[in-house]
Protein backbone atom coordinates (compact mmCIF):
# COMPACT_ATOMS: atom_id res chain seq x y z
CA UNK A 1 -12.31 -8.02 -58.06
CA UNK A 2 -12.57 -9.06 -61.61
CA UNK A 3 -9.88 -10.18 -64.08
CA UNK A 4 -10.03 -6.82 -65.72
CA UNK A 5 -9.14 -4.96 -62.49
CA UNK A 6 -6.15 -2.77 -62.49
CA UNK A 7 -3.91 -2.04 -59.55
CA UNK A 8 -1.80 1.12 -59.48
CA UNK A 9 1.08 2.17 -57.32
CA UNK A 10 1.81 5.89 -57.62
CA UNK A 11 4.95 7.14 -55.82
CA UNK A 12 5.10 10.90 -55.30
CA UNK A 13 8.06 12.83 -53.78
CA UNK A 14 7.62 16.29 -52.33
CA UNK A 15 10.35 18.91 -52.16
CA UNK A 16 11.65 18.72 -48.62
CA UNK A 17 10.07 22.06 -47.59
CA UNK A 18 6.79 21.27 -49.28
CA UNK A 19 5.94 17.79 -47.72
CA UNK A 20 3.17 19.31 -45.34
CA UNK A 21 1.57 21.27 -48.13
CA UNK A 22 1.60 18.26 -50.53
CA UNK A 23 0.21 15.93 -47.80
CA UNK A 24 -2.76 18.28 -47.30
CA UNK A 25 -3.55 18.51 -51.05
CA UNK A 26 -3.09 14.71 -51.63
CA UNK A 27 -5.26 13.92 -48.59
CA UNK A 28 -8.02 16.20 -49.80
CA UNK A 29 -8.18 14.26 -53.04
CA UNK A 30 -8.76 10.86 -51.55
CA UNK A 31 -12.45 10.87 -50.66
CA UNK A 32 -13.72 12.39 -53.97
CA UNK A 33 -11.61 9.84 -55.89
CA UNK A 34 -12.99 6.95 -53.86
CA UNK A 35 -16.44 7.97 -55.09
CA UNK A 36 -15.38 7.94 -58.75
CA UNK A 37 -16.90 5.27 -61.07
CA UNK A 38 -14.73 2.09 -61.12
CA UNK A 39 -12.76 2.89 -57.99
CA UNK A 40 -12.46 -0.28 -55.93
CA UNK A 41 -9.97 1.04 -53.43
CA UNK A 42 -7.83 4.15 -53.05
CA UNK A 43 -5.30 4.64 -50.21
CA UNK A 44 -2.76 7.28 -49.54
CA UNK A 45 0.42 6.21 -47.53
CA UNK A 46 3.20 8.23 -46.12
CA UNK A 47 6.65 6.67 -45.97
CA UNK A 48 7.56 6.28 -42.21
CA UNK A 49 11.24 6.93 -42.95
CA UNK A 50 10.75 9.76 -45.34
CA UNK A 51 7.85 12.20 -44.69
CA UNK A 52 8.27 13.76 -48.08
CA UNK A 53 7.52 10.42 -49.83
CA UNK A 54 3.84 9.52 -50.48
CA UNK A 55 2.37 6.51 -52.26
CA UNK A 56 -1.12 5.80 -53.56
CA UNK A 57 -2.33 2.27 -53.72
CA UNK A 58 -5.30 2.08 -56.10
CA UNK A 59 -7.54 -0.58 -57.65
CA UNK A 60 -9.76 0.16 -60.56
CA UNK A 61 -12.29 -1.98 -62.17
CA UNK A 62 -10.86 -1.63 -65.62
CA UNK A 63 -8.38 0.23 -67.80
CA UNK A 64 -11.21 2.45 -69.03
CA UNK A 65 -12.12 3.67 -65.46
CA UNK A 66 -8.46 4.13 -64.72
CA UNK A 67 -8.02 6.29 -67.85
CA UNK A 68 -11.16 8.33 -66.90
CA UNK A 69 -9.56 8.90 -63.44
CA UNK A 70 -6.28 9.91 -64.85
CA UNK A 71 -8.00 12.40 -67.20
CA UNK A 72 -9.84 13.93 -64.22
CA UNK A 73 -6.51 14.43 -62.29
CA UNK A 74 -5.38 17.00 -64.78
CA UNK A 75 -7.22 19.74 -62.96
CA UNK A 76 -4.99 19.06 -59.88
CA UNK A 77 -1.65 19.18 -61.67
CA UNK A 78 -1.12 23.02 -61.49
CA UNK A 79 -1.50 22.80 -57.64
CA UNK A 80 1.07 20.08 -57.47
CA UNK A 81 3.81 21.17 -59.87
CA UNK A 82 5.69 23.51 -57.57
CA UNK A 83 5.51 20.93 -54.71
CA UNK A 84 7.16 17.90 -56.40
CA UNK A 85 10.85 17.09 -56.21
CA UNK A 86 10.40 14.96 -59.26
CA UNK A 87 7.67 13.60 -61.62
CA UNK A 88 5.44 11.00 -60.03
CA UNK A 89 6.25 7.35 -60.65
CA UNK A 90 2.95 5.78 -61.70
CA UNK A 91 2.84 1.94 -62.43
CA UNK A 92 -0.19 -0.15 -63.26
CA UNK A 93 -0.27 -3.97 -62.56
CA UNK A 94 -2.47 -6.95 -63.13
CA UNK A 95 -2.95 -9.42 -60.32
CA UNK A 96 -1.41 -12.81 -61.21
CA UNK A 97 -1.79 -14.70 -57.89
């Protein structure tokens, strides 16, 4: 990891009756994204206490590679819009210790 690396936590909440459908779509996105330039790690988690809550833990080599990734996600937005209970909560972080 370099000092420029960016970590992202993206929390996504499905409508209660759409959790299985959202899980399948999000899961299908993981491997292609792991192969994107600048992707250091990309994991999809499911909340053990709330199966409609998913979290991506990501690490990107730079802000530029993260922005390129986010731009590429736009093609998936139409598939997700009817499945989400609320807008995704996406936060980026820098490692300090």
